[in-house]
Amino acid sequence: MSEGRLYAWLHRHPSEAAALADVPSDVLGRLWADCSHEAAWDAIRQNANLAMNLALIIERLEELANVYRDVEVEREAEAASAYWSSNR
C-alpha cells in the first residue's frame, strides 16, 4: 500500500491520527500494510463464498426446474390426449 493512502486516511480521521501520533512511522506503515493485506484476503474469501453460494442456488434451481418438468410430463400423460379423444 502506498503511504499516501495512509496519510489521506489519517487526515480524514483526526482523532485516530492524534491517538497514533507517537507511533513510529515504520510501525504505522507496517500496521497499515498488514491491515490492508487482511482486508484484501477477507474480500477474496467473501467473494469465494458468494460464488459458492450462487453455484449452490443455481444447482437447486436446476433441480427444481427438473422436478416441475417431470410433474408436467406426468400431468400430460395422465390427461386425455386431444389426439385420442378426437379419434374415438
PDB file of N, CA and C in Angstrom:
ATOM      1  N   MET A   1       0.826  -1.181   0.000  1.00  0.00           N
ATOM      2  CA  MET A   1       0.000   0.000   0.000  1.00  0.00           C
ATOM      3  C   MET A   1       0.871   1.246   0.000  1.00  0.00           C
ATOM      4  N   SER A   2       0.380   2.237  -0.655  1.00  0.00           N
ATOM      5  CA  SER A   2       1.154   3.475  -0.708  1.00  0.00           C
ATOM      6  C   SER A   2       1.000   4.244   0.603  1.00  0.00           C
ATOM      7  N   GLU A   3       2.043   4.944   0.966  1.00  0.00           N
ATOM      8  CA  GLU A   3       1.986   5.758   2.177  1.00  0.00           C
ATOM      9  C   GLU A   3       0.997   6.906   2.011  1.00  0.00           C
ATOM     10  N   GLY A   4       0.796   7.338   0.776  1.00  0.00           N
ATOM     11  CA  GLY A   4      -0.147   8.417   0.521  1.00  0.00           C
ATOM     12  C   GLY A   4      -1.545   8.081   0.977  1.00  0.00           C
ATOM     13  N   ARG A   5      -1.960   6.830   0.789  1.00  0.00           N
ATOM     14  CA  ARG A   5      -3.295   6.413   1.221  1.00  0.00           C
ATOM     15  C   ARG A   5      -3.385   6.410   2.743  1.00  0.00           C
ATOM     16  N   LEU A   6      -2.286   6.033   3.411  1.00  0.00           N
ATOM     17  CA  LEU A   6      -2.267   6.066   4.866  1.00  0.00           C
ATOM     18  C   LEU A   6      -2.441   7.494   5.357  1.00  0.00           C
ATOM     19  N   TYR A   7      -1.688   8.410   4.796  1.00  0.00           N
ATOM     20  CA  TYR A   7      -1.771   9.797   5.250  1.00  0.00           C
ATOM     21  C   TYR A   7      -3.121  10.429   4.894  1.00  0.00           C
ATOM     22  N   ALA A   8      -3.694  10.025   3.795  1.00  0.00           N
ATOM     23  CA  ALA A   8      -5.026  10.510   3.445  1.00  0.00           C
ATOM     24  C   ALA A   8      -6.046  10.003   4.461  1.00  0.00           C
ATOM     25  N   TRP A   9      -5.914   8.738   4.859  1.00  0.00           N
ATOM     26  CA  TRP A   9      -6.809   8.177   5.863  1.00  0.00           C
ATOM     27  C   TRP A   9      -6.641   8.908   7.189  1.00  0.00           C
ATOM     28  N   LEU A  10      -5.395   9.141   7.595  1.00  0.00           N
ATOM     29  CA  LEU A  10      -5.137   9.855   8.844  1.00  0.00           C
ATOM     30  C   LEU A  10      -5.714  11.269   8.805  1.00  0.00           C
ATOM     31  N   HIS A  11      -5.647  11.888   7.646  1.00  0.00           N
ATOM     32  CA  HIS A  11      -6.193  13.239   7.506  1.00  0.00           C
ATOM     33  C   HIS A  11      -7.716  13.242   7.679  1.00  0.00           C
ATOM     34  N   ARG A  12      -8.380  12.200   7.184  1.00  0.00           N
ATOM     35  CA  ARG A  12      -9.843  12.112   7.287  1.00  0.00           C
ATOM     36  C   ARG A  12     -10.301  11.660   8.672  1.00  0.00           C
ATOM     37  N   HIS A  13      -9.381  11.113   9.465  1.00  0.00           N
ATOM     38  CA  HIS A  13      -9.729  10.607  10.796  1.00  0.00           C
ATOM     39  C   HIS A  13      -8.815  11.264  11.843  1.00  0.00           C
ATOM     40  N   PRO A  14      -9.078  12.502  12.190  1.00  0.00           N
ATOM     41  CA  PRO A  14      -8.171  13.241  13.076  1.00  0.00           C
ATOM     42  C   PRO A  14      -8.037  12.647  14.474  1.00  0.00           C
ATOM     43  N   SER A  15      -9.098  12.074  15.022  1.00  0.00           N
ATOM     44  CA  SER A  15      -8.975  11.505  16.370  1.00  0.00           C
ATOM     45  C   SER A  15      -8.060  10.283  16.367  1.00  0.00           C
ATOM     46  N   GLU A  16      -8.155   9.447  15.318  1.00  0.00           N
ATOM     47  CA  GLU A  16      -7.254   8.302  15.208  1.00  0.00           C
ATOM     48  C   GLU A  16      -5.822   8.762  14.945  1.00  0.00           C
ATOM     49  N   ALA A  17      -5.692   9.797  14.141  1.00  0.00           N
ATOM     50  CA  ALA A  17      -4.351  10.336  13.865  1.00  0.00           C
ATOM     51  C   ALA A  17      -3.710  10.846  15.144  1.00  0.00           C
ATOM     52  N   ALA A  18      -4.495  11.502  15.994  1.00  0.00           N
ATOM     53  CA  ALA A  18      -3.961  12.002  17.262  1.00  0.00           C
ATOM     54  C   ALA A  18      -3.551  10.848  18.165  1.00  0.00           C
ATOM     55  N   ALA A  19      -4.339   9.764  18.170  1.00  0.00           N
ATOM     56  CA  ALA A  19      -4.011   8.608  19.004  1.00  0.00           C
ATOM     57  C   ALA A  19      -2.754   7.898  18.513  1.00  0.00           C
ATOM     58  N   LEU A  20      -2.483   7.994  17.220  1.00  0.00           N
ATOM     59  CA  LEU A  20      -1.322   7.316  16.634  1.00  0.00           C
ATOM     60  C   LEU A  20      -0.120   8.243  16.456  1.00  0.00           C
ATOM     61  N   ALA A  21      -0.212   9.448  16.968  1.00  0.00           N
ATOM     62  CA  ALA A  21       0.845  10.444  16.739  1.00  0.00           C
ATOM     63  C   ALA A  21       2.199   9.998  17.270  1.00  0.00           C
ATOM     64  N   ASP A  22       2.241   9.245  18.372  1.00  0.00           N
ATOM     65  CA  ASP A  22       3.526   8.838  18.947  1.00  0.00           C
ATOM     66  C   ASP A  22       4.031   7.499  18.410  1.00  0.00           C
ATOM     67  N   VAL A  23       3.290   6.876  17.499  1.00  0.00           N
ATOM     68  CA  VAL A  23       3.723   5.604  16.901  1.00  0.00           C
ATOM     69  C   VAL A  23       4.730   5.910  15.796  1.00  0.00           C
ATOM     70  N   PRO A  24       5.886   5.225  15.802  1.00  0.00           N
ATOM     71  CA  PRO A  24       6.890   5.467  14.749  1.00  0.00           C
ATOM     72  C   PRO A  24       6.307   5.187  13.361  1.00  0.00           C
ATOM     73  N   SER A  25       6.736   5.939  12.387  1.00  0.00           N
ATOM     74  CA  SER A  25       6.165   5.828  11.041  1.00  0.00           C
ATOM     75  C   SER A  25       6.373   4.449  10.425  1.00  0.00           C
ATOM     76  N   ASP A  26       7.506   3.774  10.724  1.00  0.00           N
ATOM     77  CA  ASP A  26       7.706   2.435  10.157  1.00  0.00           C
ATOM     78  C   ASP A  26       6.717   1.427  10.758  1.00  0.00           C
ATOM     79  N   VAL A  27       6.404   1.579  12.038  1.00  0.00           N
ATOM     80  CA  VAL A  27       5.423   0.700  12.678  1.00  0.00           C
ATOM     81  C   VAL A  27       4.027   0.995  12.127  1.00  0.00           C
ATOM     82  N   LEU A  28       3.733   2.263  11.983  1.00  0.00           N
ATOM     83  CA  LEU A  28       2.445   2.667  11.438  1.00  0.00           C
ATOM     84  C   LEU A  28       2.274   2.171  10.001  1.00  0.00           C
ATOM     85  N   GLY A  29       3.334   2.269   9.227  1.00  0.00           N
ATOM     86  CA  GLY A  29       3.294   1.774   7.846  1.00  0.00           C
ATOM     87  C   GLY A  29       3.089   0.271   7.787  1.00  0.00           C
ATOM     88  N   ARG A  30       3.776  -0.449   8.698  1.00  0.00           N
ATOM     89  CA  ARG A  30       3.617  -1.917   8.731  1.00  0.00           C
ATOM     90  C   ARG A  30       2.195  -2.291   9.165  1.00  0.00           C
ATOM     91  N   LEU A  31       1.664  -1.561  10.139  1.00  0.00           N
ATOM     92  CA  LEU A  31       0.297  -1.792  10.585  1.00  0.00           C
ATOM     93  C   LEU A  31      -0.690  -1.567   9.448  1.00  0.00           C
ATOM     94  N   TRP A  32      -0.483  -0.506   8.714  1.00  0.00           N
ATOM     95  CA  TRP A  32      -1.335  -0.197   7.559  1.00  0.00           C
ATOM     96  C   TRP A  32      -1.249  -1.309   6.514  1.00  0.00           C
ATOM     97  N   ALA A  33      -0.036  -1.752   6.228  1.00  0.00           N
ATOM     98  CA  ALA A  33       0.149  -2.812   5.223  1.00  0.00           C
ATOM     99  C   ALA A  33      -0.508  -4.103   5.673  1.00  0.00           C
ATOM    100  N   ASP A  34      -0.346  -4.454   6.948  1.00  0.00           N
ATOM    101  CA  ASP A  34      -0.958  -5.687   7.459  1.00  0.00           C
ATOM    102  C   ASP A  34      -2.485  -5.619   7.414  1.00  0.00           C
ATOM    103  N   CYS A  35      -3.032  -4.480   7.803  1.00  0.00           N
ATOM    104  CA  CYS A  35      -4.491  -4.327   7.765  1.00  0.00           C
ATOM    105  C   CYS A  35      -5.008  -4.397   6.329  1.00  0.00           C
ATOM    106  N   SER A  36      -4.311  -3.771   5.418  1.00  0.00           N
ATOM    107  CA  SER A  36      -4.719  -3.795   4.011  1.00  0.00           C
ATOM    108  C   SER A  36      -4.658  -5.216   3.458  1.00  0.00           C
ATOM    109  N   HIS A  37      -3.610  -5.932   3.844  1.00  0.00           N
ATOM    110  CA  HIS A  37      -3.440  -7.315   3.398  1.00  0.00           C
ATOM    111  C   HIS A  37      -4.600  -8.185   3.914  1.00  0.00           C
ATOM    112  N   GLU A  38      -4.917  -8.050   5.189  1.00  0.00           N
ATOM    113  CA  GLU A  38      -6.021  -8.823   5.769  1.00  0.00           C
ATOM    114  C   GLU A  38      -7.357  -8.455   5.128  1.00  0.00           C
ATOM    115  N   ALA A  39      -7.562  -7.178   4.877  1.00  0.00           N
ATOM    116  CA  ALA A  39      -8.812  -6.740   4.246  1.00  0.00           C
ATOM    117  C   ALA A  39      -8.933  -7.322   2.838  1.00  0.00           C
ATOM    118  N   ALA A  40      -7.832  -7.364   2.113  1.00  0.00           N
ATOM    119  CA  ALA A  40      -7.860  -7.922   0.760  1.00  0.00           C
ATOM    120  C   ALA A  40      -8.209  -9.410   0.797  1.00  0.00           C
ATOM    121  N   TRP A  41      -7.587 -10.162   1.719  1.00  0.00           N
ATOM    122  CA  TRP A  41      -7.894 -11.588   1.817  1.00  0.00           C
ATOM    123  C   TRP A  41      -9.322 -11.825   2.284  1.00  0.00           C
ATOM    124  N   ASP A  42      -9.815 -10.965   3.159  1.00  0.00           N
ATOM    125  CA  ASP A  42     -11.199 -11.088   3.599  1.00  0.00           C
ATOM    126  C   ASP A  42     -12.150 -10.882   2.425  1.00  0.00           C
ATOM    127  N   ALA A  43     -11.860  -9.899   1.587  1.00  0.00           N
ATOM    128  CA  ALA A  43     -12.698  -9.656   0.405  1.00  0.00           C
ATOM    129  C   ALA A  43     -12.662 -10.853  -0.539  1.00  0.00           C
ATOM    130  N   ILE A  44     -11.494 -11.443  -0.715  1.00  0.00           N
ATOM    131  CA  ILE A  44     -11.366 -12.624  -1.584  1.00  0.00           C
ATOM    132  C   ILE A  44     -12.195 -13.780  -1.019  1.00  0.00           C
ATOM    133  N   ARG A  45     -12.096 -14.001   0.291  1.00  0.00           N
ATOM    134  CA  ARG A  45     -12.868 -15.094   0.914  1.00  0.00           C
ATOM    135  C   ARG A  45     -14.371 -14.852   0.785  1.00  0.00           C
ATOM    136  N   GLN A  46     -14.794 -13.616   1.007  1.00  0.00           N
ATOM    137  CA  GLN A  46     -16.223 -13.320   0.892  1.00  0.00           C
ATOM    138  C   GLN A  46     -16.713 -13.531  -0.531  1.00  0.00           C
ATOM    139  N   ASN A  47     -15.927 -13.124  -1.513  1.00  0.00           N
ATOM    140  CA  ASN A  47     -16.333 -13.327  -2.905  1.00  0.00           C
ATOM    141  C   ASN A  47     -16.352 -14.808  -3.263  1.00  0.00           C
ATOM    142  N   ALA A  48     -15.393 -15.565  -2.731  1.00  0.00           N
ATOM    143  CA  ALA A  48     -15.371 -17.005  -2.993  1.00  0.00           C
ATOM    144  C   ALA A  48     -16.603 -17.659  -2.373  1.00  0.00           C
ATOM    145  N   ASN A  49     -16.945 -17.257  -1.155  1.00  0.00           N
ATOM    146  CA  ASN A  49     -18.137 -17.807  -0.506  1.00  0.00           C
ATOM    147  C   ASN A  49     -19.389 -17.427  -1.276  1.00  0.00           C
ATOM    148  N   LEU A  50     -19.441 -16.202  -1.756  1.00  0.00           N
ATOM    149  CA  LEU A  50     -20.591 -15.764  -2.540  1.00  0.00           C
ATOM    150  C   LEU A  50     -20.713 -16.593  -3.810  1.00  0.00           C
ATOM    151  N   ALA A  51     -19.589 -16.838  -4.480  1.00  0.00           N
ATOM    152  CA  ALA A  51     -19.614 -17.640  -5.706  1.00  0.00           C
ATOM    153  C   ALA A  51     -20.086 -19.062  -5.414  1.00  0.00           C
ATOM    154  N   MET A  52     -19.610 -19.632  -4.300  1.00  0.00           N
ATOM    155  CA  MET A  52     -20.044 -20.984  -3.946  1.00  0.00           C
ATOM    156  C   MET A  52     -21.530 -20.997  -3.624  1.00  0.00           C
ATOM    157  N   ASN A  53     -22.010 -19.992  -2.910  1.00  0.00           N
ATOM    158  CA  ASN A  53     -23.435 -19.917  -2.589  1.00  0.00           C
ATOM    159  C   ASN A  53     -24.269 -19.756  -3.853  1.00  0.00           C
ATOM    160  N   LEU A  54     -23.812 -18.933  -4.778  1.00  0.00           N
ATOM    161  CA  LEU A  54     -24.545 -18.763  -6.032  1.00  0.00           C
ATOM    162  C   LEU A  54     -24.561 -20.060  -6.829  1.00  0.00           C
ATOM    163  N   ALA A  55     -23.451 -20.787  -6.819  1.00  0.00           N
ATOM    164  CA  ALA A  55     -23.409 -22.067  -7.524  1.00  0.00           C
ATOM    165  C   ALA A  55     -24.409 -23.046  -6.922  1.00  0.00           C
ATOM    166  N   LEU A  56     -24.518 -23.062  -5.592  1.00  0.00           N
ATOM    167  CA  LEU A  56     -25.499 -23.939  -4.942  1.00  0.00           C
ATOM    168  C   LEU A  56     -26.925 -23.516  -5.267  1.00  0.00           C
ATOM    169  N   ILE A  57     -27.166 -22.217  -5.294  1.00  0.00           N
ATOM    170  CA  ILE A  57     -28.506 -21.727  -5.634  1.00  0.00           C
ATOM    171  C   ILE A  57     -28.873 -22.131  -7.056  1.00  0.00           C
ATOM    172  N   ILE A  58     -27.942 -21.981  -7.983  1.00  0.00           N
ATOM    173  CA  ILE A  58     -28.194 -22.358  -9.377  1.00  0.00           C
ATOM    174  C   ILE A  58     -28.461 -23.857  -9.481  1.00  0.00           C
ATOM    175  N   GLU A  59     -27.683 -24.643  -8.750  1.00  0.00           N
ATOM    176  CA  GLU A  59     -27.887 -26.094  -8.766  1.00  0.00           C
ATOM    177  C   GLU A  59     -29.282 -26.450  -8.246  1.00  0.00           C
ATOM    178  N   ARG A  60     -29.704 -25.821  -7.175  1.00  0.00           N
ATOM    179  CA  ARG A  60     -31.035 -26.079  -6.618  1.00  0.00           C
ATOM    180  C   ARG A  60     -32.132 -25.634  -7.576  1.00  0.00           C
ATOM    181  N   LEU A  61     -31.933 -24.506  -8.235  1.00  0.00           N
ATOM    182  CA  LEU A  61     -32.928 -24.037  -9.209  1.00  0.00           C
ATOM    183  C   LEU A  61     -33.042 -25.001 -10.381  1.00  0.00           C
ATOM    184  N   GLU A  62     -31.915 -25.549 -10.825  1.00  0.00           N
ATOM    185  CA  GLU A  62     -31.956 -26.535 -11.903  1.00  0.00           C
ATOM    186  C   GLU A  62     -32.702 -27.788 -11.457  1.00  0.00           C
ATOM    187  N   GLU A  63     -32.459 -28.220 -10.209  1.00  0.00           N
ATOM    188  CA  GLU A  63     -33.184 -29.380  -9.684  1.00  0.00           C
ATOM    189  C   GLU A  63     -34.684 -29.094  -9.619  1.00  0.00           C
ATOM    190  N   LEU A  64     -35.047 -27.912  -9.167  1.00  0.00           N
ATOM    191  CA  LEU A  64     -36.453 -27.532  -9.088  1.00  0.00           C
ATOM    192  C   LEU A  64     -37.093 -27.489 -10.474  1.00  0.00           C
ATOM    193  N   ALA A  65     -36.383 -26.953 -11.449  1.00  0.00           N
ATOM    194  CA  ALA A  65     -36.895 -26.915 -12.824  1.00  0.00           C
ATOM    195  C   ALA A  65     -37.105 -28.334 -13.348  1.00  0.00           C
ATOM    196  N   ASN A  66     -36.202 -29.239 -13.029  1.00  0.00           N
ATOM    197  CA  ASN A  66     -36.356 -30.640 -13.456  1.00  0.00           C
ATOM    198  C   ASN A  66     -37.581 -31.276 -12.806  1.00  0.00           C
ATOM    199  N   VAL A  67     -37.811 -30.982 -11.530  1.00  0.00           N
ATOM    200  CA  VAL A  67     -38.988 -31.528 -10.846  1.00  0.00           C
ATOM    201  C   VAL A  67     -40.260 -31.011 -11.507  1.00  0.00           C
ATOM    202  N   TYR A  68     -40.326 -29.712 -11.764  1.00  0.00           N
ATOM    203  CA  TYR A  68     -41.517 -29.150 -12.421  1.00  0.00           C
ATOM    204  C   TYR A  68     -41.709 -29.741 -13.807  1.00  0.00           C
ATOM    205  N   ARG A  69     -40.636 -29.932 -14.547  1.00  0.00           N
ATOM    206  CA  ARG A  69     -40.747 -30.522 -15.877  1.00  0.00           C
ATOM    207  C   ARG A  69     -41.272 -31.953 -15.782  1.00  0.00           C
ATOM    208  N   ASP A  70     -40.767 -32.731 -14.825  1.00  0.00           N
ATOM    209  CA  ASP A  70     -41.226 -34.107 -14.654  1.00  0.00           C
ATOM    210  C   ASP A  70     -42.705 -34.154 -14.266  1.00  0.00           C
ATOM    211  N   VAL A  71     -43.128 -33.249 -13.391  1.00  0.00           N
ATOM    212  CA  VAL A  71     -44.538 -33.197 -12.986  1.00  0.00           C
ATOM    213  C   VAL A  71     -45.408 -32.840 -14.184  1.00  0.00           C
ATOM    214  N   GLU A  72     -44.952 -31.908 -14.992  1.00  0.00           N
ATOM    215  CA  GLU A  72     -45.726 -31.505 -16.179  1.00  0.00           C
ATOM    216  C   GLU A  72     -45.862 -32.673 -17.159  1.00  0.00           C
ATOM    217  N   VAL A  73     -44.797 -33.444 -17.335  1.00  0.00           N
ATOM    218  CA  VAL A  73     -44.851 -34.610 -18.223  1.00  0.00           C
ATOM    219  C   VAL A  73     -45.833 -35.637 -17.670  1.00  0.00           C
ATOM    220  N   GLU A  74     -45.805 -35.844 -16.357  1.00  0.00           N
ATOM    221  CA  GLU A  74     -46.736 -36.794 -15.742  1.00  0.00           C
ATOM    222  C   GLU A  74     -48.175 -36.325 -15.898  1.00  0.00           C
ATOM    223  N   ARG A  75     -48.411 -35.026 -15.746  1.00  0.00           N
ATOM    224  CA  ARG A  75     -49.771 -34.494 -15.931  1.00  0.00           C
ATOM    225  C   ARG A  75     -50.257 -34.716 -17.357  1.00  0.00           C
ATOM    226  N   GLU A  76     -49.385 -34.480 -18.304  1.00  0.00           N
ATOM    227  CA  GLU A  76     -49.772 -34.699 -19.700  1.00  0.00           C
ATOM    228  C   GLU A  76     -50.060 -36.165 -19.961  1.00  0.00           C
ATOM    229  N   ALA A  77     -49.299 -37.053 -19.358  1.00  0.00           N
ATOM    230  CA  ALA A  77     -49.516 -38.491 -19.559  1.00  0.00           C
ATOM    231  C   ALA A  77     -50.829 -38.946 -18.929  1.00  0.00           C
ATOM    232  N   GLU A  78     -51.191 -38.346 -17.786  1.00  0.00           N
ATOM    233  CA  GLU A  78     -52.423 -38.720 -17.110  1.00  0.00           C
ATOM    234  C   GLU A  78     -53.656 -38.116 -17.773  1.00  0.00           C
ATOM    235  N   ALA A  79     -53.500 -36.964 -18.379  1.00  0.00           N
ATOM    236  CA  ALA A  79     -54.634 -36.296 -19.021  1.00  0.00           C
ATOM    237  C   ALA A  79     -54.946 -36.980 -20.342  1.00  0.00           C
ATOM    238  N   ALA A  80     -56.189 -36.887 -20.733  1.00  0.00           N
ATOM    239  CA  ALA A  80     -56.571 -37.466 -22.022  1.00  0.00           C
ATOM    240  C   ALA A  80     -55.966 -36.617 -23.127  1.00  0.00           C
ATOM    241  N   SER A  81     -55.348 -37.276 -24.068  1.00  0.00           N
ATOM    242  CA  SER A  81     -54.729 -36.568 -25.166  1.00  0.00           C
ATOM    243  C   SER A  81     -55.797 -36.082 -26.135  1.00  0.00           C
ATOM    244  N   ALA A  82     -55.600 -34.904 -26.665  1.00  0.00           N
ATOM    245  CA  ALA A  82     -56.539 -34.360 -27.658  1.00  0.00           C
ATOM    246  C   ALA A  82     -56.580 -35.255 -28.885  1.00  0.00           C
ATOM    247  N   TYR A  83     -55.498 -35.866 -29.247  1.00  0.00           N
ATOM    248  CA  TYR A  83     -55.430 -36.776 -30.402  1.00  0.00           C
ATOM    249  C   TYR A  83     -56.331 -37.975 -30.194  1.00  0.00           C
ATOM    250  N   TRP A  84     -56.218 -38.590 -29.019  1.00  0.00           N
ATOM    251  CA  TRP A  84     -57.002 -39.803 -28.776  1.00  0.00           C
ATOM    252  C   TRP A  84     -58.486 -39.491 -28.609  1.00  0.00           C
ATOM    253  N   SER A  85     -58.791 -38.367 -28.002  1.00  0.00           N
ATOM    254  CA  SER A  85     -60.204 -38.077 -27.781  1.00  0.00           C
ATOM    255  C   SER A  85     -60.919 -37.741 -29.099  1.00  0.00           C
ATOM    256  N   SER A  86     -60.216 -37.212 -30.093  1.00  0.00           N
ATOM    257  CA  SER A  86     -60.864 -36.869 -31.370  1.00  0.00           C
ATOM    258  C   SER A  86     -61.020 -38.085 -32.266  1.00  0.00           C
ATOM    259  N   ASN A  87     -60.287 -39.161 -32.025  1.00  0.00           N
ATOM    260  CA  ASN A  87     -60.366 -40.340 -32.864  1.00  0.00           C
ATOM    261  C   ASN A  87     -61.284 -41.417 -32.302  1.00  0.00           C
ATOM    262  N   ARG A  88     -61.949 -41.182 -31.236  1.00  0.00           N
ATOM    263  CA  ARG A  88     -62.841 -42.186 -30.638  1.00  0.00           C
ATOM    264  C   ARG A  88     -64.186 -42.146 -31.228  1.00  0.00           C
TER     265      ARG A  88
END
